Amino acid sequence: MDETVAEYIRRTVLKIPRDEIKTMLQKWGFLSEAQLQTINFHQIKDNISQDVVQLCEENSADIKQAAELDIIYNHIYPNKRVWSVYQMNKTGEETDFFDLTEFKKKFKRQLRSALKNVTINFREYEDNAIWIRIAWGTPYRKPNQYKTSYVVYHSQTPYVFISASVLKSNLPLLCQALVVASNYCDIREMELRSHSLNSLKDIVFKRYSQNFQTYYPRPLEERNVAPENEDLRIIQENRNEKERIQRVNQQIFGDGPQPKLEFAQYKLETMFKSDPKMDVLDKKEPFRCLVKFSSPHLLESLKSLAPAGMADAPLSPLLTCIPQKARNYFKIREKKGVFPGSFVSP
């Protein structure tokens, strides 16, 4: 077994929590149950990793088997990476029968036609998710197994989840290979990023239900109150306002936990309204700005603004519609004209 393969397997084992090493090696399936029985999984992890490497040497493991173990690790711990959502687009409404064998063949051929030194591994899961691991090299260097890109593609959907390596120059090659292999004509980033892969799936696959604002808050009615009852009136109004905020928040965000979204951005275009005499705007050019949101848990942060007294309830639709706007990205950008508050093409 090559020394680089042995070291990569050793480092992968070291990343796994000790209590889960045996289970993950069983899912890997490269080592027999009899071989696993020879390992003392109660010793320190470094010794466990050395024992695993020794057994892999007996089985003549290569980089393909090492990559399989890495895919299993990333599938179990997807939150170790930052994922971005991409949406592919077709010119018509035609649907193609998905052939996994053909998809793999096209993907490999397209990527290797542009870059020879690249390692590509596939693994299919029960939810129709195809996990692709790509280790990138250069024309003069072998693939770096420690700087990999991961792709999760659900067949029969236009959505792709990509965790790219630090080599951003390879991202266009990866996107082109996905478009060709899946028979689409275009691919665009949806400007949604998160460590939580499952939350991103909930948003784009509409497994997350969110209500949207269809009303506006009513101002408190003014009443003539006797001075001695003023304190009681204030206490009651504060209580009523808290109840209203909780009720409105529940109607907008729902009862369940929010998907863990960490980043969202869109471009906003709106028109200024000014006095013609002031002659501020000679041309009818819209005001353009790039709106970016980032937080360890963006949607939960927005949900907590009103109860914390940091914003009025209900929140502006520009904040509460982030997941819906992301899903409708392509539909909106195809409309003619620009509307205030609309997402437009980056």
Foldseek 3Di string as FASTA:
>chain_A
DDPVLLVLQLVLQVVDPLVCSLVLVVVLVLADPVLSVVADSPDDSNVNSVSVSVRCVVSVDDVQSSVSSVQSVCVVQLLVFKKFKKFFAAPDDDDDDDDPVQLVVLLVVQLCVVPVQKDWDWDADPQQWIKIKIFDDHNPGHGDPVFIKIWIDRPPGRMIMIRHGPPVVCVVSNVVSNCRSNVTDDMDTLFWMHSDPVLLCCLQVVVADFAADDDDDDDDDDDDDDPVCVVVVVVVVVVVQLVVLVVLLCNGRNDDDHRQTFKGKFKFWAFDDDDVVVVPDPDRGTDIDIDMGGDRRQVVVQSCCCSVVNDPPPDDRLRSCRSVLSNCVVVQQPDPDHDGSHGHDD
